[in-house]
Amino acid sequence: MPTIPTYTRGEQYSAPRVSKNAPSPVRLKETYQNTLQAAGELGRTAARLLPAKQEGQTQNSGEIKTRQALLSAVSDGVQALDKAANQVQNANSPAAADWVLLRASALAGEVQAQRQQAGEALAQEKNLLVETGSFAPSARALDAYLNEQLPGYESRLIATGVSAKSAQADLAQVRGLAARACIKRAVSAQHYQAAQGVYQKFAGSFSKAEQEELTALIGAAKAGSEAQKYWDDSLSQTDGSAEARLKWAKAQTSDQAVLERLSGLGAQARQQEFAQQAQAFLFLASAGTPEEARQRLALSPLKYTGAVARAVSRFGASAPHASAGTFNRLYFSGTEKENARAFEKGEVSAREFLALSAAYSARQAGADDKTGAFLCAGIEAWAQKKGLPASTQDEIKRAVLCSSSDPQERLNALKQIKTYFDL
């Protein structure tokens, strides 16, 4: 029983006149335009090559199996479909019609798949151009790289069917993206002159919003670099304190952007100083004897002057006019002067004054004692249930806050105090 011969390009119908060695996008364009024409030619070829239907011939179970085989093969492409078509026995049979339609669909599907692959490859190439270009050390290097690479990229775009106008727009976008990425990389590496050079060379590739963004980025980075230089130089020109360093650095420039960055550096340094002071005050307040307190002060960054010196000299002595309420209030909100005034008036002891100074320094460093505040709120709630007067509540709070700076040790101290009220 005769079978359909395997169809080959150009033998029985007008196939696209494109070299097999040409880039795939070229074949895609021509093949896509001729797909429907090819389908029509295939139908006529099948009618000529397959034997005519015999009178009285009826569809049998073999015909159904052949059609099912064709339907199953279409998802595997034209080659698989043509192989399955070898089972077609009649040019006028339903199976032959199925083959013609399914083959046209398979051809179109392969064209579309190849077109999609070409588009994905171009998208990857575009990303590579931008990322690679971002490493250019100068505007001249970036321009040379793009001038060398973009013509080939443009040709590949046009080969997929993109219009020349759209291709030019895509190239302009690549230039802008690459230049923008190059500027950001240069800024992050503190190569501000290179960043400025790239911006000036490719300014026409940026939108107005991008120009404003990049100008601000370069300006801020440059100001930050100059401010850091002045700040670093100030260490050898002053006593090293944040206040003195900031004063000296600001005297070196009148640039407002640089001055703003210097203020930020000064504030950061001041916070660090306060954090160090807080630790020094805590270490001093935890001394066991006056002699140990003097030794610790000598080793600390704290100045042996004013209230600090007097607190060490009176270390271990009780406060003549002790006020737990005053201590608790100053612990969470007292200023440096208020703490010193309370100590001079005898409302807090020397050890308590040092604890207040530690709490104040910690707040200035941005480290509020939130756990201490929560603990005091818990003490109030518990004491009210017990019916304890406000004066007793203040005494408990002061005792717990002065027991330690560690939250767990404070809890242990509170548990011990509670046992006295549960007897």
Protein backbone atom coordinates (compact mmCIF):
# COMPACT_ATOMS: atom_id res chain seq x y z
CA MET A 1 0.00 0.00 0.00
CA PRO A 2 1.65 3.34 -1.03
CA THR A 3 2.81 5.82 1.60
CA ILE A 4 3.42 9.54 1.44
CA PRO A 5 6.99 10.45 0.55
CA THR A 6 8.99 12.62 2.98
CA TYR A 7 8.76 16.23 1.88
CA THR A 8 12.00 18.17 1.27
CA ARG A 9 12.44 21.95 0.95
CA GLY A 10 12.31 23.31 -2.60
CA GLU A 11 11.34 20.00 -4.24
CA GLN A 12 7.62 20.51 -4.70
CA TYR A 13 6.86 24.10 -3.61
CA SER A 14 8.46 27.54 -3.42
CA ALA A 15 10.53 27.50 -0.24
CA PRO A 16 12.20 30.66 1.12
CA ARG A 17 15.33 31.44 -0.85
CA VAL A 18 17.64 31.84 2.18
CA SER A 19 21.00 30.22 2.75
CA LYS A 20 21.10 27.65 5.52
CA ASN A 21 24.29 29.28 6.74
CA ALA A 22 22.64 32.65 7.23
CA PRO A 23 21.96 33.84 10.83
CA SER A 24 18.77 32.40 12.23
CA PRO A 25 16.97 35.79 12.48
CA VAL A 26 17.25 36.15 8.67
CA ARG A 27 15.72 32.74 8.05
CA LEU A 28 13.05 33.50 10.62
CA LYS A 29 11.83 36.59 8.87
CA GLU A 30 11.53 35.00 5.43
CA THR A 31 10.13 31.71 6.67
CA TYR A 32 7.45 33.41 8.73
CA GLN A 33 6.22 35.37 5.72
CA ASN A 34 5.92 32.20 3.59
CA THR A 35 4.40 29.81 6.14
CA LEU A 36 0.82 29.99 4.87
CA GLN A 37 1.96 29.85 1.24
CA ALA A 38 3.97 26.74 2.07
CA ALA A 39 0.95 25.15 3.71
CA GLY A 40 -1.08 25.59 0.52
CA GLU A 41 1.67 24.09 -1.63
CA LEU A 42 1.90 21.13 0.72
CA GLY A 43 -1.78 20.40 0.25
CA ARG A 44 -1.42 20.37 -3.53
CA THR A 45 1.69 18.21 -3.30
CA ALA A 46 -0.10 15.68 -1.15
CA ALA A 47 -2.95 15.52 -3.63
CA ARG A 48 -0.54 14.76 -6.49
CA LEU A 49 1.67 12.26 -4.73
CA LEU A 50 -0.85 10.20 -2.80
CA PRO A 51 -3.10 7.80 -4.68
CA ALA A 52 -6.65 8.92 -5.28
CA LYS A 53 -9.35 7.56 -3.03
CA GLN A 54 -10.91 4.39 -4.43
CA GLU A 55 -14.64 4.21 -4.99
CA GLY A 56 -16.36 2.80 -2.00
CA GLN A 57 -13.29 2.98 0.20
CA THR A 58 -14.31 3.56 3.81
CA GLN A 59 -12.45 4.88 6.79
CA ASN A 60 -11.13 2.06 8.91
CA SER A 61 -9.50 1.73 12.29
CA GLY A 62 -6.03 2.20 10.73
CA GLU A 63 -7.05 5.66 9.52
CA ILE A 64 -8.06 6.65 13.04
CA LYS A 65 -4.73 5.44 14.42
CA THR A 66 -2.85 7.37 11.76
CA ARG A 67 -4.71 10.59 12.59
CA GLN A 68 -4.06 10.07 16.30
CA ALA A 69 -0.37 9.52 15.55
CA LEU A 70 -0.24 12.76 13.58
CA LEU A 71 -1.95 14.66 16.39
CA SER A 72 0.47 13.25 18.95
CA ALA A 73 3.51 14.07 16.77
CA VAL A 74 2.66 17.72 16.13
CA SER A 75 3.91 18.80 19.55
CA ASP A 76 7.36 17.37 18.70
CA GLY A 77 7.78 19.51 15.58
CA VAL A 78 7.81 19.20 11.81
CA GLN A 79 10.33 16.39 11.62
CA ALA A 80 8.33 14.14 13.93
CA LEU A 81 5.14 15.03 12.10
CA ASP A 82 6.62 14.12 8.69
CA LYS A 83 7.77 10.79 10.09
CA ALA A 84 4.25 10.05 11.28
CA ALA A 85 2.91 11.07 7.86
CA ASN A 86 4.55 7.99 6.31
CA GLN A 87 1.49 6.11 7.50
CA VAL A 88 -0.91 8.21 5.41
CA GLN A 89 -2.21 5.97 2.58
CA ASN A 90 -4.53 8.24 0.62
CA ALA A 91 -4.10 11.84 -0.56
CA ASN A 92 -7.83 12.44 -0.23
CA SER A 93 -8.12 10.88 3.21
CA PRO A 94 -8.85 12.80 6.42
CA ALA A 95 -5.36 11.90 7.63
CA ALA A 96 -3.79 13.71 4.65
CA ALA A 97 -5.83 16.83 5.41
CA ASP A 98 -4.82 16.55 9.06
CA TRP A 99 -1.17 16.36 8.07
CA VAL A 100 -1.36 19.47 5.89
CA LEU A 101 -2.97 21.57 8.62
CA LEU A 102 -0.81 20.25 11.45
CA ARG A 103 2.37 20.75 9.44
CA ALA A 104 1.50 24.40 8.76
CA SER A 105 0.87 24.87 12.47
CA ALA A 106 4.14 23.15 13.39
CA LEU A 107 6.07 25.32 10.96
CA ALA A 108 4.55 28.48 12.44
CA GLY A 109 5.30 27.23 15.94
CA GLU A 110 8.94 26.60 15.13
CA VAL A 111 9.25 30.03 13.56
CA GLN A 112 7.74 31.62 16.65
CA ALA A 113 9.98 29.62 18.99
CA GLN A 114 13.09 30.61 17.07
CA ARG A 115 11.96 34.23 17.03
CA GLN A 116 11.49 34.11 20.81
CA GLN A 117 14.92 32.56 21.32
CA ALA A 118 16.49 35.26 19.20
CA GLY A 119 14.69 37.93 21.25
CA GLU A 120 15.87 36.41 24.52
CA ALA A 121 19.43 36.25 23.24
CA LEU A 122 19.30 39.94 22.28
CA ALA A 123 17.90 40.86 25.71
CA GLN A 124 20.80 39.03 27.34
CA GLU A 125 23.24 40.77 25.03
CA LYS A 126 21.75 44.13 25.99
CA ASN A 127 22.24 43.40 29.68
CA LEU A 128 25.81 42.32 29.03
CA LEU A 129 26.56 45.53 27.14
CA VAL A 130 25.26 47.63 30.04
CA GLU A 131 26.99 45.65 32.78
CA THR A 132 30.31 45.41 30.97
CA GLY A 133 30.19 49.08 30.05
CA SER A 134 29.74 50.02 33.71
CA PHE A 135 33.34 48.93 34.35
CA ALA A 136 34.79 51.48 31.93
CA PRO A 137 37.44 53.55 33.76
CA SER A 138 36.68 56.71 31.83
CA ALA A 139 34.19 58.35 29.50
CA ARG A 140 36.56 57.81 26.57
CA ALA A 141 36.85 54.09 27.29
CA LEU A 142 33.08 53.68 27.58
CA ASP A 143 32.44 55.57 24.35
CA ALA A 144 34.99 53.46 22.46
CA TYR A 145 33.52 50.24 23.79
CA LEU A 146 29.97 51.14 22.81
CA ASN A 147 31.00 52.40 19.37
CA GLU A 148 32.61 49.04 18.72
CA GLN A 149 29.79 46.85 20.07
CA LEU A 150 26.58 48.62 19.13
CA PRO A 151 26.74 48.29 15.30
CA GLY A 152 26.69 44.48 15.54
CA TYR A 153 23.93 44.62 18.12
CA GLU A 154 21.92 46.88 15.80
CA SER A 155 22.33 44.46 12.90
CA ARG A 156 21.05 41.58 15.00
CA LEU A 157 18.06 43.63 16.07
CA ILE A 158 17.11 44.50 12.51
CA ALA A 159 17.56 40.88 11.44
CA THR A 160 14.74 39.87 13.81
CA GLY A 161 12.34 42.30 12.13
CA VAL A 162 12.89 45.37 14.32
CA SER A 163 12.60 48.58 12.32
CA ALA A 164 15.65 50.79 11.87
CA LYS A 165 13.98 53.56 13.89
CA SER A 166 13.21 51.24 16.80
CA ALA A 167 16.71 49.81 16.65
CA GLN A 168 18.19 53.32 16.95
CA ALA A 169 15.97 54.02 19.96
CA ASP A 170 17.17 50.78 21.56
CA LEU A 171 20.79 51.72 20.97
CA ALA A 172 20.23 55.12 22.57
CA GLN A 173 18.75 53.37 25.59
CA VAL A 174 21.76 51.07 25.88
CA ARG A 175 24.10 54.06 25.84
CA GLY A 176 22.13 55.78 28.58
CA LEU A 177 21.88 52.68 30.76
CA ALA A 178 25.58 51.87 30.38
CA ALA A 179 26.64 55.43 31.18
CA ARG A 180 24.34 55.58 34.20
CA ALA A 181 25.68 52.30 35.54
CA CYS A 182 29.25 53.45 34.92
CA ILE A 183 28.67 56.66 36.87
CA LYS A 184 27.20 54.81 39.85
CA ARG A 185 30.06 52.34 39.91
CA ALA A 186 32.61 55.15 39.76
CA VAL A 187 30.88 57.01 42.58
CA SER A 188 30.81 53.90 44.78
CA ALA A 189 34.56 53.54 44.19
CA GLN A 190 35.04 57.24 45.03
CA HIS A 191 36.29 58.02 41.51
CA TYR A 192 34.40 61.28 41.31
CA GLN A 193 36.35 62.83 38.46
CA ALA A 194 35.68 59.77 36.30
CA ALA A 195 32.00 59.89 37.20
CA GLN A 196 31.83 63.57 36.30
CA GLY A 197 33.57 62.91 32.98
CA VAL A 198 31.12 60.16 32.01
CA TYR A 199 28.20 62.39 32.94
CA GLN A 200 29.45 65.25 30.78
CA LYS A 201 30.12 62.94 27.82
CA PHE A 202 26.73 61.16 27.95
CA ALA A 203 24.50 63.88 29.37
CA GLY A 204 22.42 63.87 26.18
CA SER A 205 21.51 60.22 26.79
CA PHE A 206 19.74 61.02 30.07
CA SER A 207 16.26 62.33 30.69
CA LYS A 208 15.85 65.50 32.74
CA ALA A 209 14.96 63.47 35.82
CA GLU A 210 18.02 61.26 35.35
CA GLN A 211 20.24 64.31 34.92
CA GLU A 212 19.00 65.71 38.22
CA GLU A 213 19.46 62.38 39.97
CA LEU A 214 23.00 61.82 38.68
CA THR A 215 24.06 65.41 39.32
CA ALA A 216 22.85 65.13 42.90
CA LEU A 217 24.55 61.75 43.31
CA ILE A 218 27.91 62.98 42.05
CA GLY A 219 27.67 66.22 44.04
CA ALA A 220 26.77 64.44 47.28
CA ALA A 221 29.52 61.89 46.86
CA LYS A 222 32.09 64.58 46.12
CA ALA A 223 31.00 66.63 49.13
CA GLY A 224 31.17 63.55 51.32
CA SER A 225 34.70 62.81 50.16
CA GLU A 226 35.91 66.35 50.85
CA ALA A 227 34.22 66.38 54.25
CA GLN A 228 35.87 63.09 55.20
CA LYS A 229 39.27 64.48 54.22
CA TYR A 230 38.82 67.56 56.40
CA TRP A 231 37.54 65.40 59.24
CA ASP A 232 40.51 63.04 59.05
CA ASP A 233 42.95 65.96 58.99
CA SER A 234 41.29 67.49 62.07
CA LEU A 235 42.51 64.66 64.29
CA SER A 236 46.11 65.83 64.10
CA GLN A 237 45.15 69.51 64.36
CA THR A 238 43.09 69.38 67.59
CA ASP A 239 42.86 67.66 70.97
CA GLY A 240 40.81 64.88 69.32
CA SER A 241 37.43 65.76 70.81
CA ALA A 242 34.45 65.72 68.48
CA GLU A 243 33.64 69.36 69.24
CA ALA A 244 37.15 70.60 68.47
CA ARG A 245 37.51 68.49 65.35
CA LEU A 246 34.20 69.73 63.97
CA LYS A 247 35.11 73.36 64.62
CA TRP A 248 38.48 73.04 62.87
CA ALA A 249 37.06 71.11 59.87
CA LYS A 250 34.27 73.60 59.28
CA ALA A 251 36.78 76.44 59.25
CA GLN A 252 38.45 74.89 56.19
CA THR A 253 35.55 75.31 53.75
CA SER A 254 32.55 77.43 52.87
CA ASP A 255 30.86 74.83 50.66
CA GLN A 256 27.40 74.29 52.13
CA ALA A 257 27.20 70.66 51.00
CA VAL A 258 30.56 69.88 52.60
CA LEU A 259 29.56 71.70 55.80
CA GLU A 260 26.40 69.59 56.03
CA ARG A 261 28.43 66.39 55.71
CA LEU A 262 30.83 67.64 58.38
CA SER A 263 27.91 68.24 60.74
CA GLY A 264 26.86 64.65 60.23
CA LEU A 265 30.37 63.38 60.93
CA GLY A 266 30.55 65.53 64.04
CA ALA A 267 27.21 64.28 65.35
CA GLN A 268 28.28 60.69 64.76
CA ALA A 269 31.56 61.24 66.58
CA ARG A 270 29.74 62.93 69.45
CA GLN A 271 27.44 59.95 69.81
CA GLN A 272 30.44 57.66 69.98
CA GLU A 273 31.97 59.86 72.66
CA PHE A 274 28.78 59.68 74.71
CA ALA A 275 28.66 55.90 74.34
CA GLN A 276 32.23 55.67 75.65
CA GLN A 277 31.38 58.04 78.51
CA ALA A 278 28.37 55.94 79.48
CA GLN A 279 30.54 52.84 79.80
CA ALA A 280 33.17 54.78 81.76
CA PHE A 281 30.57 56.12 84.22
CA LEU A 282 29.09 52.66 84.73
CA PHE A 283 32.55 51.22 85.37
CA LEU A 284 33.25 54.00 87.84
CA ALA A 285 29.91 53.64 89.65
CA SER A 286 30.48 49.92 90.17
CA ALA A 287 33.72 50.45 92.12
CA GLY A 288 33.79 48.80 95.54
CA THR A 289 35.82 51.40 97.46
CA PRO A 290 36.81 55.07 97.13
CA GLU A 291 40.38 54.00 96.32
CA GLU A 292 39.18 51.72 93.54
CA ALA A 293 37.01 54.56 92.22
CA ARG A 294 40.06 56.86 92.04
CA GLN A 295 42.06 54.22 90.21
CA ARG A 296 39.28 53.61 87.71
CA LEU A 297 38.87 57.31 87.05
CA ALA A 298 42.59 57.66 86.34
CA LEU A 299 42.30 54.95 83.69
CA SER A 300 39.08 56.28 82.11
CA PRO A 301 38.60 58.90 79.36
CA LEU A 302 36.63 61.03 81.84
CA LYS A 303 38.13 64.33 82.94
CA TYR A 304 39.13 64.60 86.59
CA THR A 305 37.34 67.92 87.06
CA GLY A 306 34.12 69.39 88.44
CA ALA A 307 31.34 67.18 89.76
CA VAL A 308 33.06 63.99 88.59
CA ALA A 309 36.14 64.69 90.71
CA ARG A 310 34.02 65.60 93.75
CA ALA A 311 31.92 62.44 93.28
CA VAL A 312 35.04 60.29 93.40
CA SER A 313 36.32 62.13 96.48
CA ARG A 314 32.98 61.49 98.26
CA PHE A 315 32.56 58.00 96.89
CA GLY A 316 30.88 55.65 99.36
CA ALA A 317 29.23 58.42 101.39
CA SER A 318 25.47 58.60 101.67
CA ALA A 319 23.41 61.52 100.42
CA PRO A 320 22.46 63.87 103.29
CA HIS A 321 19.15 64.79 101.69
CA ALA A 322 18.50 61.60 99.70
CA SER A 323 15.44 61.71 97.44
CA ALA A 324 14.46 58.53 95.63
CA GLY A 325 11.89 60.47 93.62
CA THR A 326 14.54 62.92 92.39
CA PHE A 327 16.85 60.08 91.40
CA ASN A 328 14.12 58.25 89.45
CA ARG A 329 13.09 61.39 87.60
CA LEU A 330 16.64 62.37 86.67
CA TYR A 331 17.51 58.83 85.63
CA PHE A 332 15.14 58.97 82.64
CA SER A 333 15.23 62.70 81.76
CA GLY A 334 17.88 64.58 83.72
CA THR A 335 20.39 66.85 81.99
CA GLU A 336 24.07 67.04 82.85
CA LYS A 337 23.53 70.22 84.86
CA GLU A 338 20.46 68.87 86.67
CA ASN A 339 22.34 65.75 87.69
CA ALA A 340 25.26 67.80 89.03
CA ARG A 341 22.91 70.16 90.89
CA ALA A 342 21.13 67.27 92.62
CA PHE A 343 24.50 65.85 93.70
CA GLU A 344 25.73 69.20 95.06
CA LYS A 345 22.46 69.61 97.00
CA GLY A 346 22.92 66.16 98.54
CA GLU A 347 19.76 64.68 96.98
CA VAL A 348 21.72 61.86 95.36
CA SER A 349 24.89 60.13 96.51
CA ALA A 350 28.17 60.10 94.59
CA ARG A 351 27.53 56.57 93.34
CA GLU A 352 24.00 57.57 92.29
CA PHE A 353 25.33 60.67 90.54
CA LEU A 354 27.69 58.51 88.49
CA ALA A 355 24.78 56.19 87.60
CA LEU A 356 22.74 59.23 86.51
CA SER A 357 25.67 60.46 84.42
CA ALA A 358 25.89 57.05 82.73
CA ALA A 359 22.14 57.11 81.94
CA TYR A 360 22.39 60.66 80.53
CA SER A 361 25.39 59.77 78.33
CA ALA A 362 23.60 56.68 77.04
CA ARG A 363 20.57 58.77 76.06
CA GLN A 364 22.80 61.22 74.21
CA ALA A 365 24.29 58.26 72.36
CA GLY A 366 20.81 57.18 71.32
CA ALA A 367 20.55 54.26 73.73
CA ASP A 368 17.61 54.97 76.03
CA ASP A 369 17.16 52.51 78.90
CA LYS A 370 13.84 51.09 77.70
CA THR A 371 14.11 47.93 79.74
CA GLY A 372 14.57 50.07 82.85
CA ALA A 373 11.46 52.06 81.98
CA PHE A 374 9.43 48.88 81.48
CA LEU A 375 10.69 47.52 84.78
CA CYS A 376 9.67 50.67 86.63
CA ALA A 377 6.20 50.51 85.07
CA GLY A 378 5.93 46.91 86.25
CA ILE A 379 6.99 47.95 89.75
CA GLU A 380 4.24 50.58 89.82
CA ALA A 381 1.58 48.06 88.75
CA TRP A 382 2.73 45.50 91.33
CA ALA A 383 3.06 48.09 94.12
CA GLN A 384 -0.44 49.45 93.50
CA LYS A 385 -1.88 45.95 93.83
CA LYS A 386 0.00 45.64 97.10
CA GLY A 387 -1.30 49.00 98.22
CA LEU A 388 2.19 50.43 98.70
CA PRO A 389 2.55 54.23 99.00
CA ALA A 390 4.28 56.30 96.32
CA SER A 391 7.33 56.88 98.53
CA THR A 392 7.87 53.12 98.89
CA GLN A 393 7.46 52.66 95.13
CA ASP A 394 10.19 55.28 94.53
CA GLU A 395 12.53 53.53 96.96
CA ILE A 396 12.03 50.19 95.19
CA LYS A 397 12.63 51.74 91.77
CA ARG A 398 15.84 53.44 92.88
CA ALA A 399 17.11 50.26 94.51
CA VAL A 400 16.47 48.22 91.36
CA LEU A 401 17.95 50.79 88.96
CA CYS A 402 21.09 51.16 91.08
CA SER A 403 21.53 47.42 91.56
CA SER A 404 23.02 46.86 88.11
CA SER A 405 22.86 47.91 84.46
CA ASP A 406 22.11 44.33 83.42
CA PRO A 407 18.35 43.68 82.92
CA GLN A 408 18.48 40.14 84.34
CA GLU A 409 20.35 41.22 87.47
CA ARG A 410 17.77 43.95 87.98
CA LEU A 411 14.98 41.38 87.78
CA ASN A 412 16.76 39.26 90.35
CA ALA A 413 17.07 42.30 92.64
CA LEU A 414 13.33 43.00 92.27
CA LYS A 415 12.46 39.37 93.09
CA GLN A 416 14.54 39.65 96.26
CA ILE A 417 12.76 42.88 97.24
CA LYS A 418 9.35 41.31 96.63
CA THR A 419 10.08 38.58 99.13
CA TYR A 420 10.09 41.21 101.89
CA PHE A 421 6.49 42.09 101.10
CA ASP A 422 5.29 38.49 100.92
CA LEU A 423 6.29 37.51 104.45
